[in-house]
Amino acid sequence: MTVKIATLGNAVGVILPPEILARLRVQEGDNLYITETLLGVELTRDDPAFGKQMTIAQRIMGEDHAALKKLSE
């Protein structure tokens, strides 16, 4: 698939076709996150850094479940 680079006011942007917007579940005005990979760039709807932080938090909460439950009382 090829996309077009276009001037948008004083900036330059990439025009994404409707089927890509639908697959990403985004619409005009939403934010996308760009991550550099070995093969180029990856566009995602969710912040990859936040996802990593949540994975770590879930692991910690699982390991220290009893202590966290006691603290919440």
Protein backbone atom coordinates (compact mmCIF):
# COMPACT_ATOMS: atom_id res chain seq x y z
CA MET A 1 0.00 0.00 0.00
CA THR A 2 1.25 3.46 -0.83
CA VAL A 3 0.26 6.63 1.04
CA LYS A 4 0.69 10.22 0.00
CA ILE A 5 2.69 12.90 1.78
CA ALA A 6 0.87 16.23 1.56
CA THR A 7 1.29 19.78 2.76
CA LEU A 8 -1.21 20.61 5.50
CA GLY A 9 -0.98 24.31 6.29
CA ASN A 10 2.61 24.94 7.43
CA ALA A 11 3.26 21.24 8.09
CA VAL A 12 3.59 18.06 6.09
CA GLY A 13 1.48 14.99 6.82
CA VAL A 14 0.73 11.49 5.64
CA ILE A 15 -2.76 10.82 4.29
CA LEU A 16 -4.03 7.49 5.67
CA PRO A 17 -6.76 5.68 3.74
CA PRO A 18 -10.07 4.90 5.47
CA GLU A 19 -9.31 1.16 5.76
CA ILE A 20 -6.12 1.88 7.75
CA LEU A 21 -8.00 4.30 10.03
CA ALA A 22 -10.61 1.60 10.60
CA ARG A 23 -7.96 -1.05 11.42
CA LEU A 24 -6.30 1.33 13.89
CA ARG A 25 -9.75 2.30 15.26
CA VAL A 26 -8.94 6.01 15.01
CA GLN A 27 -10.55 9.01 13.42
CA GLU A 28 -9.66 12.60 12.61
CA GLY A 29 -8.37 14.39 15.72
CA ASP A 30 -7.13 11.22 17.48
CA ASN A 31 -3.45 10.79 18.36
CA LEU A 32 -1.20 8.07 16.99
CA TYR A 33 2.13 6.98 18.45
CA ILE A 34 5.13 6.46 16.21
CA THR A 35 7.80 3.95 17.24
CA GLU A 36 11.02 3.42 15.32
CA THR A 37 11.72 -0.23 14.54
CA LEU A 38 14.50 -2.02 12.69
CA LEU A 39 12.27 -2.16 9.61
CA GLY A 40 11.04 1.45 9.71
CA VAL A 41 8.28 2.97 11.83
CA GLU A 42 5.19 1.57 13.52
CA LEU A 43 1.94 3.51 14.08
CA THR A 44 -0.13 2.51 17.09
CA ARG A 45 -3.22 3.85 18.78
CA ASP A 46 -1.84 3.23 22.26
CA ASP A 47 1.34 4.56 23.85
CA PRO A 48 3.84 1.65 23.84
CA ALA A 49 5.72 3.10 26.85
CA PHE A 50 2.50 3.13 28.89
CA GLY A 51 1.83 -0.47 27.90
CA LYS A 52 5.26 -1.52 29.19
CA GLN A 53 4.65 0.34 32.46
CA MET A 54 1.29 -1.39 32.91
CA THR A 55 2.87 -4.81 32.31
CA ILE A 56 5.44 -4.08 35.03
CA ALA A 57 2.72 -2.78 37.39
CA GLN A 58 0.60 -5.90 36.86
CA ARG A 59 3.58 -8.15 37.60
CA ILE A 60 4.36 -6.24 40.81
CA MET A 61 0.71 -6.28 41.90
CA GLY A 62 0.60 -10.04 41.34
CA GLU A 63 3.80 -10.64 43.30
CA ASP A 64 2.82 -8.39 46.23
CA HIS A 65 -0.92 -8.99 46.21
CA ALA A 66 -1.18 -9.73 49.94
CA ALA A 67 0.78 -6.61 50.92
CA LEU A 68 -1.21 -4.37 48.58
CA LYS A 69 -4.50 -5.81 49.87
CA LYS A 70 -3.43 -5.10 53.46
CA LEU A 71 -2.47 -1.51 52.53
CA SER A 72 -5.86 -0.91 50.94
CA GLU A 73 -7.73 -1.78 54.16
